[in-house]
Amino acid sequence: MKRIALFTALTLTAATTAQADMQLSFKGWGNIPSCTTGSPNTVGNPAFTLKGIPAGTTQVQIRLKDLNVPGYNHGGGKVKMTADGTIPEGTFKYKSPCPPSGSHTYEWTATAKKGSKTLAKAKVSKKYP
């Protein structure tokens, strides 16, 4: 019984470490039209960089969420991961940030996957406009 508990503890630690080590970054919103009407445009993604991608990752799913209006689906995309961890601008389409008034905080989430298994997640937030 102690072996099972030790194995489970080591497995949970490894999974937590992998998720804590992956990092997502982007510099700006890319070449998108200004939008503050509440009616988002369909645009190409900004350029992303991922660091600490777990071994065995075959694809990364990227999703955008408006933290001020979390129920709105801005979409995202699934991309095959490159060795250097970059996702070029315009690789997939999503609904742009477009707060109806003031500034909103938006959060990108990258989920590293191997088949249907989630290996790690990373998030980054930025205000718009």
C-alpha atoms as a PDB file:
ATOM      1  CA  MET A   1       0.000   0.000   0.000  1.00  0.00           C
ATOM      2  CA  LYS A   2       2.886   2.371   0.774  1.00  0.00           C
ATOM      3  CA  ARG A   3       4.321   1.811  -2.730  1.00  0.00           C
ATOM      4  CA  ILE A   4       1.015   2.852  -4.330  1.00  0.00           C
ATOM      5  CA  ALA A   5       0.816   5.974  -2.170  1.00  0.00           C
ATOM      6  CA  LEU A   6       4.431   6.888  -2.994  1.00  0.00           C
ATOM      7  CA  PHE A   7       3.852   6.314  -6.729  1.00  0.00           C
ATOM      8  CA  THR A   8       0.692   8.458  -6.618  1.00  0.00           C
ATOM      9  CA  ALA A   9       2.499  11.248  -4.767  1.00  0.00           C
ATOM     10  CA  LEU A  10       5.396  11.207  -7.247  1.00  0.00           C
ATOM     11  CA  THR A  11       3.000  11.216 -10.207  1.00  0.00           C
ATOM     12  CA  LEU A  12       1.031  14.187  -8.831  1.00  0.00           C
ATOM     13  CA  THR A  13       4.263  16.069  -8.112  1.00  0.00           C
ATOM     14  CA  ALA A  14       5.532  15.472 -11.658  1.00  0.00           C
ATOM     15  CA  ALA A  15       2.249  16.639 -13.196  1.00  0.00           C
ATOM     16  CA  THR A  16       2.137  19.755 -11.010  1.00  0.00           C
ATOM     17  CA  THR A  17       5.772  20.579 -11.807  1.00  0.00           C
ATOM     18  CA  ALA A  18       5.212  20.223 -15.565  1.00  0.00           C
ATOM     19  CA  GLN A  19       2.232  22.568 -15.412  1.00  0.00           C
ATOM     20  CA  ALA A  20       4.107  25.090 -13.283  1.00  0.00           C
ATOM     21  CA  ASP A  21       7.110  25.089 -15.639  1.00  0.00           C
ATOM     22  CA  MET A  22       5.350  25.856 -18.943  1.00  0.00           C
ATOM     23  CA  GLN A  23       5.173  29.580 -19.714  1.00  0.00           C
ATOM     24  CA  LEU A  24       3.177  31.470 -22.360  1.00  0.00           C
ATOM     25  CA  SER A  25       3.983  34.969 -23.574  1.00  0.00           C
ATOM     26  CA  PHE A  26       2.959  37.419 -26.276  1.00  0.00           C
ATOM     27  CA  LYS A  27       4.075  40.999 -26.837  1.00  0.00           C
ATOM     28  CA  GLY A  28       0.933  42.605 -28.204  1.00  0.00           C
ATOM     29  CA  TRP A  29      -2.348  42.001 -29.950  1.00  0.00           C
ATOM     30  CA  GLY A  30      -0.785  41.899 -33.407  1.00  0.00           C
ATOM     31  CA  ASN A  31      -2.177  43.619 -36.450  1.00  0.00           C
ATOM     32  CA  ILE A  32      -5.874  43.784 -35.498  1.00  0.00           C
ATOM     33  CA  PRO A  33      -8.324  46.617 -36.108  1.00  0.00           C
ATOM     34  CA  SER A  34      -9.203  48.729 -33.082  1.00  0.00           C
ATOM     35  CA  CYS A  35     -12.447  47.513 -31.513  1.00  0.00           C
ATOM     36  CA  THR A  36     -14.456  48.949 -28.608  1.00  0.00           C
ATOM     37  CA  THR A  37     -18.030  48.384 -29.850  1.00  0.00           C
ATOM     38  CA  GLY A  38     -18.721  45.000 -28.223  1.00  0.00           C
ATOM     39  CA  SER A  39     -18.878  43.343 -31.686  1.00  0.00           C
ATOM     40  CA  PRO A  40     -15.560  41.498 -32.142  1.00  0.00           C
ATOM     41  CA  ASN A  41     -13.842  41.050 -35.493  1.00  0.00           C
ATOM     42  CA  THR A  42     -12.564  37.675 -36.687  1.00  0.00           C
ATOM     43  CA  VAL A  43      -8.791  38.130 -36.792  1.00  0.00           C
ATOM     44  CA  GLY A  44      -5.523  36.221 -36.870  1.00  0.00           C
ATOM     45  CA  ASN A  45      -3.799  35.440 -33.581  1.00  0.00           C
ATOM     46  CA  PRO A  46      -0.855  37.422 -32.209  1.00  0.00           C
ATOM     47  CA  ALA A  47       2.570  35.746 -32.128  1.00  0.00           C
ATOM     48  CA  PHE A  48       3.088  33.528 -29.068  1.00  0.00           C
ATOM     49  CA  THR A  49       6.124  31.981 -27.411  1.00  0.00           C
ATOM     50  CA  LEU A  50       5.914  28.894 -25.185  1.00  0.00           C
ATOM     51  CA  LYS A  51       8.745  27.819 -22.905  1.00  0.00           C
ATOM     52  CA  GLY A  52       9.008  24.626 -20.872  1.00  0.00           C
ATOM     53  CA  ILE A  53       6.811  22.586 -23.198  1.00  0.00           C
ATOM     54  CA  PRO A  54       6.550  19.036 -21.817  1.00  0.00           C
ATOM     55  CA  ALA A  55       8.230  16.236 -23.748  1.00  0.00           C
ATOM     56  CA  GLY A  56       5.751  14.363 -25.917  1.00  0.00           C
ATOM     57  CA  THR A  57       3.585  17.403 -26.697  1.00  0.00           C
ATOM     58  CA  THR A  58       2.044  16.967 -30.151  1.00  0.00           C
ATOM     59  CA  GLN A  59      -0.269  19.971 -30.218  1.00  0.00           C
ATOM     60  CA  VAL A  60      -1.152  23.055 -28.242  1.00  0.00           C
ATOM     61  CA  GLN A  61      -4.666  24.405 -27.870  1.00  0.00           C
ATOM     62  CA  ILE A  62      -4.891  28.193 -27.444  1.00  0.00           C
ATOM     63  CA  ARG A  63      -8.072  29.871 -26.124  1.00  0.00           C
ATOM     64  CA  LEU A  64      -8.951  33.489 -25.316  1.00  0.00           C
ATOM     65  CA  LYS A  65     -11.210  34.521 -22.429  1.00  0.00           C
ATOM     66  CA  ASP A  66     -12.439  37.983 -21.466  1.00  0.00           C
ATOM     67  CA  LEU A  67     -12.050  37.952 -17.682  1.00  0.00           C
ATOM     68  CA  ASN A  68     -14.674  40.704 -17.398  1.00  0.00           C
ATOM     69  CA  VAL A  69     -17.208  38.706 -19.488  1.00  0.00           C
ATOM     70  CA  PRO A  70     -16.028  35.090 -19.092  1.00  0.00           C
ATOM     71  CA  GLY A  71     -19.107  33.562 -20.741  1.00  0.00           C
ATOM     72  CA  TYR A  72     -18.305  35.037 -24.165  1.00  0.00           C
ATOM     73  CA  ASN A  73     -16.495  32.562 -26.432  1.00  0.00           C
ATOM     74  CA  HIS A  74     -13.618  34.300 -28.232  1.00  0.00           C
ATOM     75  CA  GLY A  75     -12.416  30.989 -29.643  1.00  0.00           C
ATOM     76  CA  GLY A  76      -8.860  30.038 -30.404  1.00  0.00           C
ATOM     77  CA  GLY A  77      -7.056  27.289 -32.255  1.00  0.00           C
ATOM     78  CA  LYS A  78      -5.104  24.064 -32.163  1.00  0.00           C
ATOM     79  CA  VAL A  79      -1.579  24.100 -33.535  1.00  0.00           C
ATOM     80  CA  LYS A  80       1.184  21.564 -33.972  1.00  0.00           C
ATOM     81  CA  MET A  81       4.040  22.575 -31.724  1.00  0.00           C
ATOM     82  CA  THR A  82       7.357  23.653 -33.218  1.00  0.00           C
ATOM     83  CA  ALA A  83      10.707  22.793 -31.646  1.00  0.00           C
ATOM     84  CA  ASP A  84      11.398  26.457 -30.809  1.00  0.00           C
ATOM     85  CA  GLY A  85       8.025  26.965 -29.070  1.00  0.00           C
ATOM     86  CA  THR A  86       6.790  29.751 -31.341  1.00  0.00           C
ATOM     87  CA  ILE A  87       3.326  30.161 -32.792  1.00  0.00           C
ATOM     88  CA  PRO A  88       3.521  32.730 -35.600  1.00  0.00           C
ATOM     89  CA  GLU A  89       1.053  35.588 -35.959  1.00  0.00           C
ATOM     90  CA  GLY A  90      -1.996  34.634 -38.043  1.00  0.00           C
ATOM     91  CA  THR A  91      -1.731  30.844 -37.524  1.00  0.00           C
ATOM     92  CA  PHE A  92      -5.390  30.587 -36.462  1.00  0.00           C
ATOM     93  CA  LYS A  93      -8.476  32.829 -36.315  1.00  0.00           C
ATOM     94  CA  TYR A  94     -10.341  34.014 -33.207  1.00  0.00           C
ATOM     95  CA  LYS A  95     -12.782  36.765 -32.207  1.00  0.00           C
ATOM     96  CA  SER A  96     -10.775  39.843 -31.259  1.00  0.00           C
ATOM     97  CA  PRO A  97     -10.892  41.689 -27.959  1.00  0.00           C
ATOM     98  CA  CYS A  98     -13.675  44.267 -28.234  1.00  0.00           C
ATOM     99  CA  PRO A  99     -14.943  45.589 -24.894  1.00  0.00           C
ATOM    100  CA  PRO A 100     -18.167  47.626 -25.217  1.00  0.00           C
ATOM    101  CA  SER A 101     -16.937  50.217 -22.728  1.00  0.00           C
ATOM    102  CA  GLY A 102     -13.621  50.882 -21.066  1.00  0.00           C
ATOM    103  CA  SER A 103     -10.804  48.370 -20.852  1.00  0.00           C
ATOM    104  CA  HIS A 104     -11.154  44.620 -20.227  1.00  0.00           C
ATOM    105  CA  THR A 105      -8.558  42.070 -19.161  1.00  0.00           C
ATOM    106  CA  TYR A 106      -8.158  39.154 -21.541  1.00  0.00           C
ATOM    107  CA  GLU A 107      -6.473  35.843 -20.756  1.00  0.00           C
ATOM    108  CA  TRP A 108      -4.867  33.452 -23.220  1.00  0.00           C
ATOM    109  CA  THR A 109      -4.591  29.828 -22.088  1.00  0.00           C
ATOM    110  CA  ALA A 110      -2.245  27.366 -23.800  1.00  0.00           C
ATOM    111  CA  THR A 111      -2.889  23.674 -23.172  1.00  0.00           C
ATOM    112  CA  ALA A 112      -0.125  21.244 -24.188  1.00  0.00           C
ATOM    113  CA  LYS A 113      -1.577  17.932 -25.337  1.00  0.00           C
ATOM    114  CA  LYS A 114      -0.469  14.505 -26.436  1.00  0.00           C
ATOM    115  CA  GLY A 115      -3.511  13.065 -28.189  1.00  0.00           C
ATOM    116  CA  SER A 116      -6.416  13.748 -25.833  1.00  0.00           C
ATOM    117  CA  LYS A 117      -4.201  13.866 -22.723  1.00  0.00           C
ATOM    118  CA  THR A 118      -3.435  17.268 -21.170  1.00  0.00           C
ATOM    119  CA  LEU A 119       0.256  17.558 -20.264  1.00  0.00           C
ATOM    120  CA  ALA A 120       0.422  21.167 -19.046  1.00  0.00           C
ATOM    121  CA  LYS A 121      -1.298  24.559 -19.095  1.00  0.00           C
ATOM    122  CA  ALA A 122       0.022  28.104 -19.100  1.00  0.00           C
ATOM    123  CA  LYS A 123      -1.805  31.450 -18.999  1.00  0.00           C
ATOM    124  CA  VAL A 124      -1.018  35.068 -19.722  1.00  0.00           C
ATOM    125  CA  SER A 125      -3.279  38.118 -19.282  1.00  0.00           C
ATOM    126  CA  LYS A 126      -3.275  41.551 -20.875  1.00  0.00           C
ATOM    127  CA  LYS A 127      -5.628  44.538 -20.938  1.00  0.00           C
ATOM    128  CA  TYR A 128      -7.288  45.790 -24.131  1.00  0.00           C
ATOM    129  CA  PRO A 129      -7.265  48.515 -25.216  1.00  0.00           C
END
